[in-house]
Amino acid sequence: MTHSKKILFIDNDNFQTEMRAQLLTDTRQHQVDIADSFEHVKELYKKNKYDIVIIDFARDFGAEGLRYIDAIDRMQKMITISENEEYSEQKGCDYCVSHHQRRRLVPPFPFPELVRLVESFELTICALKNKF
């Protein structure tokens, strides 16, 4: 079993986010904090060190949260969630792969795929690099 990770989940889709966070906690023993506003992102990220940040950057404050975290630590391990083909990095996929530690999930995705990325982050590559 992999060791427990401290995760910041940034999303305001309350039901889905709560369900995924609870499953990561109950079934995988990870510690998950949920930020549902930009102020909450700043408060939690200032107080804690996270192994992984999961963020829906297409939602309300998601892009703002992503820029905020990038300004502090551009190599923060991040799983980005987005339904559209918008890049989390304005300079595109190649730049992102070279300058960040990000993986991307496009909904709908099965919960085991999220678990795989969380627990085997270092062993994965961004699956969407050559897709868009």
C-alpha atoms as a PDB file:
ATOM      1  CA  MET A   1       0.000   0.000   0.000  1.00  0.00           C
ATOM      2  CA  THR A   2       1.215   3.485  -0.802  1.00  0.00           C
ATOM      3  CA  HIS A   3       1.773   5.961   1.986  1.00  0.00           C
ATOM      4  CA  SER A   4      -0.903   8.458   2.871  1.00  0.00           C
ATOM      5  CA  LYS A   5      -0.766  11.741   0.961  1.00  0.00           C
ATOM      6  CA  LYS A   6      -1.926  15.199   1.955  1.00  0.00           C
ATOM      7  CA  ILE A   7      -4.190  16.494  -0.804  1.00  0.00           C
ATOM      8  CA  LEU A   8      -5.755  19.877  -1.483  1.00  0.00           C
ATOM      9  CA  PHE A   9      -8.908  19.487  -3.581  1.00  0.00           C
ATOM     10  CA  ILE A  10      -9.947  22.785  -5.193  1.00  0.00           C
ATOM     11  CA  ASP A  11     -13.452  22.629  -6.608  1.00  0.00           C
ATOM     12  CA  ASN A  12     -16.910  23.908  -5.748  1.00  0.00           C
ATOM     13  CA  ASP A  13     -18.924  21.066  -7.276  1.00  0.00           C
ATOM     14  CA  ASN A  14     -19.938  20.132  -3.763  1.00  0.00           C
ATOM     15  CA  PHE A  15     -21.451  16.664  -4.217  1.00  0.00           C
ATOM     16  CA  GLN A  16     -18.822  15.266  -6.616  1.00  0.00           C
ATOM     17  CA  THR A  17     -15.943  16.851  -4.728  1.00  0.00           C
ATOM     18  CA  GLU A  18     -17.184  15.705  -1.327  1.00  0.00           C
ATOM     19  CA  MET A  19     -17.758  12.181  -2.649  1.00  0.00           C
ATOM     20  CA  ARG A  20     -14.289  11.916  -4.226  1.00  0.00           C
ATOM     21  CA  ALA A  21     -12.584  13.417  -1.178  1.00  0.00           C
ATOM     22  CA  GLN A  22     -14.440  11.039   1.142  1.00  0.00           C
ATOM     23  CA  LEU A  23     -13.519   8.035  -1.009  1.00  0.00           C
ATOM     24  CA  LEU A  24      -9.841   9.079  -1.061  1.00  0.00           C
ATOM     25  CA  THR A  25      -9.983   9.361   2.723  1.00  0.00           C
ATOM     26  CA  ASP A  26     -12.015   6.229   3.498  1.00  0.00           C
ATOM     27  CA  THR A  27     -10.653   3.790   0.942  1.00  0.00           C
ATOM     28  CA  ARG A  28      -7.069   5.031   0.524  1.00  0.00           C
ATOM     29  CA  GLN A  29      -6.372   6.764   3.870  1.00  0.00           C
ATOM     30  CA  HIS A  30      -5.294  10.056   2.287  1.00  0.00           C
ATOM     31  CA  GLN A  31      -5.863  13.348   4.105  1.00  0.00           C
ATOM     32  CA  VAL A  32      -7.969  15.634   1.915  1.00  0.00           C
ATOM     33  CA  ASP A  33      -8.712  19.329   2.451  1.00  0.00           C
ATOM     34  CA  ILE A  34     -11.379  20.890   0.240  1.00  0.00           C
ATOM     35  CA  ALA A  35     -11.160  24.532  -0.821  1.00  0.00           C
ATOM     36  CA  ASP A  36     -14.408  25.909  -2.212  1.00  0.00           C
ATOM     37  CA  SER A  37     -13.373  29.549  -2.719  1.00  0.00           C
ATOM     38  CA  PHE A  38     -10.240  31.464  -3.677  1.00  0.00           C
ATOM     39  CA  GLU A  39      -9.898  32.840  -0.129  1.00  0.00           C
ATOM     40  CA  HIS A  40     -10.075  29.275   1.182  1.00  0.00           C
ATOM     41  CA  VAL A  41      -7.345  28.210  -1.302  1.00  0.00           C
ATOM     42  CA  LYS A  42      -5.042  30.967  -0.012  1.00  0.00           C
ATOM     43  CA  GLU A  43      -5.786  30.168   3.624  1.00  0.00           C
ATOM     44  CA  LEU A  44      -5.162  26.407   3.282  1.00  0.00           C
ATOM     45  CA  TYR A  45      -2.107  26.692   1.000  1.00  0.00           C
ATOM     46  CA  LYS A  46      -0.408  29.167   3.346  1.00  0.00           C
ATOM     47  CA  LYS A  47      -0.964  26.860   6.344  1.00  0.00           C
ATOM     48  CA  ASN A  48      -0.148  23.457   4.818  1.00  0.00           C
ATOM     49  CA  LYS A  49       2.255  21.628   2.548  1.00  0.00           C
ATOM     50  CA  TYR A  50       0.432  19.389   0.078  1.00  0.00           C
ATOM     51  CA  ASP A  51       1.732  16.329  -1.738  1.00  0.00           C
ATOM     52  CA  ILE A  52      -0.796  16.883  -4.520  1.00  0.00           C
ATOM     53  CA  VAL A  53      -3.298  19.559  -5.490  1.00  0.00           C
ATOM     54  CA  ILE A  54      -6.384  18.467  -7.440  1.00  0.00           C
ATOM     55  CA  ILE A  55      -7.967  21.433  -9.184  1.00  0.00           C
ATOM     56  CA  ASP A  56     -10.770  22.099 -11.617  1.00  0.00           C
ATOM     57  CA  PHE A  57      -9.196  25.170 -13.198  1.00  0.00           C
ATOM     58  CA  ALA A  58     -12.224  25.816 -15.438  1.00  0.00           C
ATOM     59  CA  ARG A  59     -14.516  26.491 -12.475  1.00  0.00           C
ATOM     60  CA  ASP A  60     -15.135  29.925 -10.964  1.00  0.00           C
ATOM     61  CA  PHE A  61     -12.002  30.476  -8.873  1.00  0.00           C
ATOM     62  CA  GLY A  62     -10.007  27.502 -10.195  1.00  0.00           C
ATOM     63  CA  ALA A  63      -7.807  29.420 -12.631  1.00  0.00           C
ATOM     64  CA  GLU A  64      -7.134  32.043  -9.948  1.00  0.00           C
ATOM     65  CA  GLY A  65      -6.178  29.291  -7.496  1.00  0.00           C
ATOM     66  CA  LEU A  66      -3.918  27.644 -10.060  1.00  0.00           C
ATOM     67  CA  ARG A  67      -2.084  30.946 -10.750  1.00  0.00           C
ATOM     68  CA  TYR A  68      -1.758  31.608  -7.011  1.00  0.00           C
ATOM     69  CA  ILE A  69      -0.179  28.195  -6.332  1.00  0.00           C
ATOM     70  CA  ASP A  70       2.071  28.487  -9.411  1.00  0.00           C
ATOM     71  CA  ALA A  71       3.397  31.812  -8.100  1.00  0.00           C
ATOM     72  CA  ILE A  72       4.422  30.088  -4.855  1.00  0.00           C
ATOM     73  CA  ASP A  73       5.618  26.730  -6.253  1.00  0.00           C
ATOM     74  CA  ARG A  74       5.433  26.123  -9.994  1.00  0.00           C
ATOM     75  CA  MET A  75       6.571  22.521  -9.428  1.00  0.00           C
ATOM     76  CA  GLN A  76       3.688  21.687  -7.078  1.00  0.00           C
ATOM     77  CA  LYS A  77       2.309  18.290  -8.118  1.00  0.00           C
ATOM     78  CA  MET A  78      -1.110  18.984  -9.575  1.00  0.00           C
ATOM     79  CA  ILE A  79      -3.934  17.029 -11.146  1.00  0.00           C
ATOM     80  CA  THR A  80      -6.022  19.363 -13.285  1.00  0.00           C
ATOM     81  CA  ILE A  81      -9.608  18.591 -14.169  1.00  0.00           C
ATOM     82  CA  SER A  82     -11.300  20.285 -17.093  1.00  0.00           C
ATOM     83  CA  GLU A  83     -14.171  19.380 -19.372  1.00  0.00           C
ATOM     84  CA  ASN A  84     -12.946  21.518 -22.236  1.00  0.00           C
ATOM     85  CA  GLU A  85      -9.775  21.518 -24.289  1.00  0.00           C
ATOM     86  CA  GLU A  86      -8.406  24.608 -22.572  1.00  0.00           C
ATOM     87  CA  TYR A  87      -4.820  24.267 -21.345  1.00  0.00           C
ATOM     88  CA  SER A  88      -3.988  24.839 -17.690  1.00  0.00           C
ATOM     89  CA  GLU A  89      -0.788  26.479 -18.984  1.00  0.00           C
ATOM     90  CA  GLN A  90      -1.245  29.337 -21.470  1.00  0.00           C
ATOM     91  CA  LYS A  91       2.006  28.429 -23.220  1.00  0.00           C
ATOM     92  CA  GLY A  92       0.632  24.982 -24.043  1.00  0.00           C
ATOM     93  CA  CYS A  93       1.309  21.332 -23.325  1.00  0.00           C
ATOM     94  CA  ASP A  94       5.008  21.173 -24.171  1.00  0.00           C
ATOM     95  CA  TYR A  95       5.796  24.089 -21.863  1.00  0.00           C
ATOM     96  CA  CYS A  96       3.667  22.601 -19.098  1.00  0.00           C
ATOM     97  CA  VAL A  97       5.400  19.218 -19.304  1.00  0.00           C
ATOM     98  CA  SER A  98       8.824  20.915 -19.153  1.00  0.00           C
ATOM     99  CA  HIS A  99       8.064  23.457 -16.412  1.00  0.00           C
ATOM    100  CA  HIS A 100       5.382  21.958 -14.170  1.00  0.00           C
ATOM    101  CA  GLN A 101       4.378  18.686 -12.556  1.00  0.00           C
ATOM    102  CA  ARG A 102       0.817  18.351 -13.788  1.00  0.00           C
ATOM    103  CA  ARG A 103      -1.432  15.561 -14.980  1.00  0.00           C
ATOM    104  CA  ARG A 104      -4.857  16.077 -16.484  1.00  0.00           C
ATOM    105  CA  LEU A 105      -8.205  14.342 -16.167  1.00  0.00           C
ATOM    106  CA  VAL A 106     -11.189  15.030 -18.413  1.00  0.00           C
ATOM    107  CA  PRO A 107     -14.593  14.261 -16.871  1.00  0.00           C
ATOM    108  CA  PRO A 108     -16.269  11.936 -16.678  1.00  0.00           C
ATOM    109  CA  PHE A 109     -13.452   9.782 -15.357  1.00  0.00           C
ATOM    110  CA  PRO A 110     -13.682   6.681 -13.177  1.00  0.00           C
ATOM    111  CA  PHE A 111     -12.609   7.104  -9.559  1.00  0.00           C
ATOM    112  CA  PRO A 112      -9.813   4.479  -9.964  1.00  0.00           C
ATOM    113  CA  GLU A 113      -8.176   6.756 -12.553  1.00  0.00           C
ATOM    114  CA  LEU A 114      -7.976   9.558  -9.974  1.00  0.00           C
ATOM    115  CA  VAL A 115      -6.568   7.113  -7.412  1.00  0.00           C
ATOM    116  CA  ARG A 116      -3.955   5.922  -9.928  1.00  0.00           C
ATOM    117  CA  LEU A 117      -2.781   9.486 -10.554  1.00  0.00           C
ATOM    118  CA  VAL A 118      -2.696  10.342  -6.855  1.00  0.00           C
ATOM    119  CA  GLU A 119      -0.806   7.220  -5.829  1.00  0.00           C
ATOM    120  CA  SER A 120       1.465   6.790  -8.862  1.00  0.00           C
ATOM    121  CA  PHE A 121       1.947  10.426  -9.852  1.00  0.00           C
ATOM    122  CA  GLU A 122       5.681  10.135 -10.454  1.00  0.00           C
ATOM    123  CA  LEU A 123       5.186   7.069 -12.663  1.00  0.00           C
ATOM    124  CA  THR A 124       2.705   8.744 -14.998  1.00  0.00           C
ATOM    125  CA  ILE A 125       2.957  11.260 -17.804  1.00  0.00           C
ATOM    126  CA  CYS A 126       0.344  13.724 -18.923  1.00  0.00           C
ATOM    127  CA  ALA A 127      -1.901  11.485 -21.013  1.00  0.00           C
ATOM    128  CA  LEU A 128      -3.253  14.439 -22.957  1.00  0.00           C
ATOM    129  CA  LYS A 129       0.070  15.855 -24.137  1.00  0.00           C
ATOM    130  CA  ASN A 130      -0.373  14.621 -27.695  1.00  0.00           C
ATOM    131  CA  LYS A 131      -4.174  14.593 -27.722  1.00  0.00           C
ATOM    132  CA  PHE A 132      -4.897  18.298 -28.309  1.00  0.00           C
END
